[in-house]
Amino acid sequence: MLFQTKSEVREHVLSHTPQALPLAGVLQNLSQLLDQQGGAWGAFKAFGEEPAIEGCLSSSIRWYYPRLKENDLEFVKPTQWRRSSLGFQEPTSGEGISIEELDGFLVPGVAFSKKGERVGRGRGFYDRALVQAAGLKVGVCYSYQLFDELPTESHDVKMDVVVSDRGIIWLKR
C-alpha cells in the first residue's frame, strides 16, 4: 500500500487494528535482540496500539523512560509514574541520563517501514531526541504496522532495527 501523507498512514493503521494482537511474537523477537545488549537503554510504556514490552526487558540493561520537558523528551530511571499531558505514562522522578549516553532506544510508533522509516503521532518528540543519539535505534511494532515504505520528511530519524511479531529487520550493523 502506498501512502501520500503521514496522516493517511495514521488513519489506516488506527482503522485496521486487529482484535487480537500477537504480543508474544513481539516479545520473543525483542528478547532475542536484547539478550545480546547491555548498558543503558531508553524504553517506553505502551500507549494506544503500541506493544506492551515490559515483559521482555532484560535485567542486564539499565532502563530509562521518556518524560516531557517542554517540547522535548528527557530520559529518566523512574522511581514514580504519572500520566503525561499527552496521555502516556512517564516518570515523575528519578535519575536522568543524557541522550548521548544511552546505548540504545526502543522506539514506539504508529507505523514503520522495512527501510527503517517511522511515522509517530505527529509531534516530533522522538525525532528531536533521536537526532542527538548515537545508540542503536530499535523500532517496535506489530506486523500490521509494518509497510514496505512510508512518506518521510527531512527531519525524520530512521531506525537501525525494526522488531515485530514476524521477526527482526536489521538495517544497520
C-alpha atoms as a PDB file:
ATOM      1  CA  MET A   1       0.000   0.000   0.000  1.00  0.00           C
ATOM      2  CA  LEU A   2       1.371   3.418  -0.977  1.00  0.00           C
ATOM      3  CA  PHE A   3       0.587   6.405   1.241  1.00  0.00           C
ATOM      4  CA  GLN A   4       0.980  10.039   0.225  1.00  0.00           C
ATOM      5  CA  THR A   5       0.927  11.577   3.714  1.00  0.00           C
ATOM      6  CA  LYS A   6       1.649  10.601   7.287  1.00  0.00           C
ATOM      7  CA  SER A   7      -1.958  11.439   8.172  1.00  0.00           C
ATOM      8  CA  GLU A   8      -3.109   8.741   5.729  1.00  0.00           C
ATOM      9  CA  VAL A   9      -0.762   6.267   7.435  1.00  0.00           C
ATOM     10  CA  ARG A  10      -2.083   7.113  10.889  1.00  0.00           C
ATOM     11  CA  GLU A  11      -5.700   6.851   9.733  1.00  0.00           C
ATOM     12  CA  HIS A  12      -5.081   3.497   8.009  1.00  0.00           C
ATOM     13  CA  VAL A  13      -3.250   1.913  10.953  1.00  0.00           C
ATOM     14  CA  LEU A  14      -5.748   3.108  13.538  1.00  0.00           C
ATOM     15  CA  SER A  15      -8.691   1.868  11.440  1.00  0.00           C
ATOM     16  CA  HIS A  16      -7.092  -1.548  10.761  1.00  0.00           C
ATOM     17  CA  THR A  17      -6.026  -2.547  14.276  1.00  0.00           C
ATOM     18  CA  PRO A  18      -6.753  -6.277  14.636  1.00  0.00           C
ATOM     19  CA  GLN A  19      -8.841  -7.581  17.534  1.00  0.00           C
ATOM     20  CA  ALA A  20      -6.085  -9.932  18.721  1.00  0.00           C
ATOM     21  CA  LEU A  21      -2.561  -8.556  18.754  1.00  0.00           C
ATOM     22  CA  PRO A  22       0.374 -11.019  18.538  1.00  0.00           C
ATOM     23  CA  LEU A  23       2.258  -9.640  21.547  1.00  0.00           C
ATOM     24  CA  ALA A  24       4.018 -12.951  22.262  1.00  0.00           C
ATOM     25  CA  GLY A  25       5.823 -12.794  18.903  1.00  0.00           C
ATOM     26  CA  VAL A  26       6.957  -9.213  19.503  1.00  0.00           C
ATOM     27  CA  LEU A  27       8.246 -10.102  22.970  1.00  0.00           C
ATOM     28  CA  GLN A  28      10.064 -13.205  21.704  1.00  0.00           C
ATOM     29  CA  ASN A  29      11.857 -11.313  18.917  1.00  0.00           C
ATOM     30  CA  LEU A  30      12.624  -8.314  21.112  1.00  0.00           C
ATOM     31  CA  SER A  31      14.021 -10.610  23.833  1.00  0.00           C
ATOM     32  CA  GLN A  32      16.281 -12.249  21.256  1.00  0.00           C
ATOM     33  CA  LEU A  33      17.681  -8.851  20.266  1.00  0.00           C
ATOM     34  CA  LEU A  34      18.011  -7.554  23.841  1.00  0.00           C
ATOM     35  CA  ASP A  35      19.788 -10.704  25.078  1.00  0.00           C
ATOM     36  CA  GLN A  36      22.817  -9.517  23.074  1.00  0.00           C
ATOM     37  CA  GLN A  37      22.784  -5.980  24.522  1.00  0.00           C
ATOM     38  CA  GLY A  38      23.923  -4.235  27.673  1.00  0.00           C
ATOM     39  CA  GLY A  39      24.419  -0.775  29.119  1.00  0.00           C
ATOM     40  CA  ALA A  40      21.797   1.944  29.419  1.00  0.00           C
ATOM     41  CA  TRP A  41      18.758   1.993  27.130  1.00  0.00           C
ATOM     42  CA  GLY A  42      15.655   4.066  26.597  1.00  0.00           C
ATOM     43  CA  ALA A  43      12.324   2.218  26.684  1.00  0.00           C
ATOM     44  CA  PHE A  44       8.652   3.186  26.658  1.00  0.00           C
ATOM     45  CA  LYS A  45       5.414   2.294  28.424  1.00  0.00           C
ATOM     46  CA  ALA A  46       2.856   1.133  25.853  1.00  0.00           C
ATOM     47  CA  PHE A  47       0.247   3.689  24.806  1.00  0.00           C
ATOM     48  CA  GLY A  48      -2.629   3.040  22.427  1.00  0.00           C
ATOM     49  CA  GLU A  49      -1.667   0.498  19.748  1.00  0.00           C
ATOM     50  CA  GLU A  50       1.950   0.154  20.929  1.00  0.00           C
ATOM     51  CA  PRO A  51       3.178  -3.277  22.115  1.00  0.00           C
ATOM     52  CA  ALA A  52       3.411  -3.685  25.902  1.00  0.00           C
ATOM     53  CA  ILE A  53       7.128  -4.555  26.025  1.00  0.00           C
ATOM     54  CA  GLU A  54       7.742  -4.539  29.786  1.00  0.00           C
ATOM     55  CA  GLY A  55       7.578  -8.347  29.897  1.00  0.00           C
ATOM     56  CA  CYS A  56      10.834  -8.796  27.985  1.00  0.00           C
ATOM     57  CA  LEU A  57      13.087  -6.012  29.225  1.00  0.00           C
ATOM     58  CA  SER A  58      16.387  -7.615  30.142  1.00  0.00           C
ATOM     59  CA  SER A  59      17.593  -7.141  33.706  1.00  0.00           C
ATOM     60  CA  SER A  60      21.167  -6.805  32.414  1.00  0.00           C
ATOM     61  CA  ILE A  61      20.220  -3.429  30.892  1.00  0.00           C
ATOM     62  CA  ARG A  62      19.638  -0.217  32.851  1.00  0.00           C
ATOM     63  CA  TRP A  63      16.282   1.135  31.599  1.00  0.00           C
ATOM     64  CA  TYR A  64      15.359   4.804  31.255  1.00  0.00           C
ATOM     65  CA  TYR A  65      11.977   6.138  30.158  1.00  0.00           C
ATOM     66  CA  PRO A  66      10.972   9.346  28.386  1.00  0.00           C
ATOM     67  CA  ARG A  67       9.205  12.233  30.019  1.00  0.00           C
ATOM     68  CA  LEU A  68       8.155  15.526  28.536  1.00  0.00           C
ATOM     69  CA  LYS A  69      10.215  18.576  29.313  1.00  0.00           C
ATOM     70  CA  GLU A  70       8.590  21.468  27.484  1.00  0.00           C
ATOM     71  CA  ASN A  71       8.749  20.390  23.816  1.00  0.00           C
ATOM     72  CA  ASP A  72      11.398  17.687  24.192  1.00  0.00           C
ATOM     73  CA  LEU A  73      11.925  14.266  25.712  1.00  0.00           C
ATOM     74  CA  GLU A  74      14.364  13.568  28.507  1.00  0.00           C
ATOM     75  CA  PHE A  75      15.156  10.060  29.737  1.00  0.00           C
ATOM     76  CA  VAL A  76      14.885   9.110  33.413  1.00  0.00           C
ATOM     77  CA  LYS A  77      15.347   5.934  35.500  1.00  0.00           C
ATOM     78  CA  PRO A  78      11.890   6.040  37.118  1.00  0.00           C
ATOM     79  CA  THR A  79      11.005   5.918  40.773  1.00  0.00           C
ATOM     80  CA  GLN A  80       7.378   7.046  40.330  1.00  0.00           C
ATOM     81  CA  TRP A  81       4.951   7.358  37.403  1.00  0.00           C
ATOM     82  CA  ARG A  82       2.155   9.654  36.223  1.00  0.00           C
ATOM     83  CA  ARG A  83       0.070  10.185  33.102  1.00  0.00           C
ATOM     84  CA  SER A  84       1.580  12.951  30.940  1.00  0.00           C
ATOM     85  CA  SER A  85      -0.419  15.795  29.427  1.00  0.00           C
ATOM     86  CA  LEU A  86      -0.471  13.732  26.195  1.00  0.00           C
ATOM     87  CA  GLY A  87      -1.827  10.627  27.949  1.00  0.00           C
ATOM     88  CA  PHE A  88       1.204   8.319  28.132  1.00  0.00           C
ATOM     89  CA  GLN A  89       2.875   7.065  31.324  1.00  0.00           C
ATOM     90  CA  GLU A  90       6.030   8.999  32.225  1.00  0.00           C
ATOM     91  CA  PRO A  91       8.370   9.051  35.221  1.00  0.00           C
ATOM     92  CA  THR A  92       7.779  11.848  37.709  1.00  0.00           C
ATOM     93  CA  SER A  93      11.159  11.485  39.370  1.00  0.00           C
ATOM     94  CA  GLY A  94      14.389   9.556  39.126  1.00  0.00           C
ATOM     95  CA  GLU A  95      17.948   9.760  37.887  1.00  0.00           C
ATOM     96  CA  GLY A  96      18.282  11.341  34.443  1.00  0.00           C
ATOM     97  CA  ILE A  97      20.721  10.477  31.666  1.00  0.00           C
ATOM     98  CA  SER A  98      21.719  12.391  28.562  1.00  0.00           C
ATOM     99  CA  ILE A  99      20.503  11.029  25.248  1.00  0.00           C
ATOM    100  CA  GLU A 100      24.095  10.777  24.065  1.00  0.00           C
ATOM    101  CA  GLU A 101      24.915   8.363  26.925  1.00  0.00           C
ATOM    102  CA  LEU A 102      22.205   5.837  26.035  1.00  0.00           C
ATOM    103  CA  ASP A 103      23.431   2.723  24.211  1.00  0.00           C
ATOM    104  CA  GLY A 104      20.091   2.099  22.548  1.00  0.00           C
ATOM    105  CA  PHE A 105      16.448   3.039  22.306  1.00  0.00           C
ATOM    106  CA  LEU A 106      13.260   1.038  21.995  1.00  0.00           C
ATOM    107  CA  VAL A 107      11.097   3.367  19.928  1.00  0.00           C
ATOM    108  CA  PRO A 108       7.302   3.267  19.642  1.00  0.00           C
ATOM    109  CA  GLY A 109       5.448   4.419  16.570  1.00  0.00           C
ATOM    110  CA  VAL A 110       2.192   4.269  14.664  1.00  0.00           C
ATOM    111  CA  ALA A 111       3.935   2.652  11.679  1.00  0.00           C
ATOM    112  CA  PHE A 112       7.388   1.550  10.499  1.00  0.00           C
ATOM    113  CA  SER A 113       8.781   0.578   7.131  1.00  0.00           C
ATOM    114  CA  LYS A 114      11.126  -2.228   6.176  1.00  0.00           C
ATOM    115  CA  LYS A 115      13.599   0.557   5.341  1.00  0.00           C
ATOM    116  CA  GLY A 116      13.605   1.894   8.922  1.00  0.00           C
ATOM    117  CA  GLU A 117      11.238   4.788   8.319  1.00  0.00           C
ATOM    118  CA  ARG A 118       8.904   5.684  11.178  1.00  0.00           C
ATOM    119  CA  VAL A 119       5.620   7.519  11.485  1.00  0.00           C
ATOM    120  CA  GLY A 120       4.871   8.659  15.015  1.00  0.00           C
ATOM    121  CA  ARG A 121       1.957  10.549  16.474  1.00  0.00           C
ATOM    122  CA  GLY A 122       2.913  13.788  14.751  1.00  0.00           C
ATOM    123  CA  ARG A 123       4.588  15.963  17.352  1.00  0.00           C
ATOM    124  CA  GLY A 124       8.226  15.094  16.527  1.00  0.00           C
ATOM    125  CA  PHE A 125       9.340  14.354  20.104  1.00  0.00           C
ATOM    126  CA  TYR A 126      11.247  11.197  19.201  1.00  0.00           C
ATOM    127  CA  ASP A 127      12.775  12.695  16.043  1.00  0.00           C
ATOM    128  CA  ARG A 128      14.132  15.662  18.023  1.00  0.00           C
ATOM    129  CA  ALA A 129      15.540  13.338  20.702  1.00  0.00           C
ATOM    130  CA  LEU A 130      16.970  10.652  18.412  1.00  0.00           C
ATOM    131  CA  VAL A 131      18.777  13.056  16.091  1.00  0.00           C
ATOM    132  CA  GLN A 132      21.211  13.572  19.008  1.00  0.00           C
ATOM    133  CA  ALA A 133      21.596   9.843  19.714  1.00  0.00           C
ATOM    134  CA  ALA A 134      24.433   7.558  18.671  1.00  0.00           C
ATOM    135  CA  GLY A 135      22.827   4.481  20.278  1.00  0.00           C
ATOM    136  CA  LEU A 136      21.024   1.715  18.408  1.00  0.00           C
ATOM    137  CA  LYS A 137      17.508   2.799  17.403  1.00  0.00           C
ATOM    138  CA  VAL A 138      15.044  -0.116  17.546  1.00  0.00           C
ATOM    139  CA  GLY A 139      11.521   0.405  16.259  1.00  0.00           C
ATOM    140  CA  VAL A 140       8.995  -1.886  17.957  1.00  0.00           C
ATOM    141  CA  CYS A 141       5.669  -2.718  16.316  1.00  0.00           C
ATOM    142  CA  TYR A 142       3.145  -5.341  15.273  1.00  0.00           C
ATOM    143  CA  SER A 143       3.306  -6.663  11.709  1.00  0.00           C
ATOM    144  CA  TYR A 144       0.085  -4.823  10.752  1.00  0.00           C
ATOM    145  CA  GLN A 145       2.041  -1.588  11.439  1.00  0.00           C
ATOM    146  CA  LEU A 146       4.901  -2.589   9.109  1.00  0.00           C
ATOM    147  CA  PHE A 147       4.961  -1.398   5.476  1.00  0.00           C
ATOM    148  CA  ASP A 148       7.369  -1.529   2.532  1.00  0.00           C
ATOM    149  CA  GLU A 149       7.774   2.256   2.588  1.00  0.00           C
ATOM    150  CA  LEU A 150       6.288   5.318   4.246  1.00  0.00           C
ATOM    151  CA  PRO A 151       6.165   9.030   3.487  1.00  0.00           C
ATOM    152  CA  THR A 152       9.039  10.857   5.179  1.00  0.00           C
ATOM    153  CA  GLU A 153      10.256  14.369   5.842  1.00  0.00           C
ATOM    154  CA  SER A 154      13.807  15.681   6.076  1.00  0.00           C
ATOM    155  CA  HIS A 155      13.774  15.756   9.916  1.00  0.00           C
ATOM    156  CA  ASP A 156      12.660  12.115  10.312  1.00  0.00           C
ATOM    157  CA  VAL A 157      15.158   9.804  12.028  1.00  0.00           C
ATOM    158  CA  LYS A 158      15.416   6.259  10.646  1.00  0.00           C
ATOM    159  CA  MET A 159      15.590   3.171  12.806  1.00  0.00           C
ATOM    160  CA  ASP A 160      18.629   0.857  12.766  1.00  0.00           C
ATOM    161  CA  VAL A 161      16.450  -2.184  13.513  1.00  0.00           C
ATOM    162  CA  VAL A 162      12.715  -2.888  13.334  1.00  0.00           C
ATOM    163  CA  VAL A 163      11.259  -5.641  15.546  1.00  0.00           C
ATOM    164  CA  SER A 164       7.763  -7.024  15.008  1.00  0.00           C
ATOM    165  CA  ASP A 165       5.898 -10.240  15.762  1.00  0.00           C
ATOM    166  CA  ARG A 166       7.180 -11.588  12.416  1.00  0.00           C
ATOM    167  CA  GLY A 167      10.891 -11.036  13.006  1.00  0.00           C
ATOM    168  CA  ILE A 168      13.847  -8.688  13.280  1.00  0.00           C
ATOM    169  CA  ILE A 169      14.879  -6.470  10.372  1.00  0.00           C
ATOM    170  CA  TRP A 170      18.486  -5.266  10.727  1.00  0.00           C
ATOM    171  CA  LEU A 171      19.088  -2.128   8.675  1.00  0.00           C
ATOM    172  CA  LYS A 172      22.401  -1.105  10.235  1.00  0.00           C
ATOM    173  CA  ARG A 173      25.001  -3.253  11.979  1.00  0.00           C
END
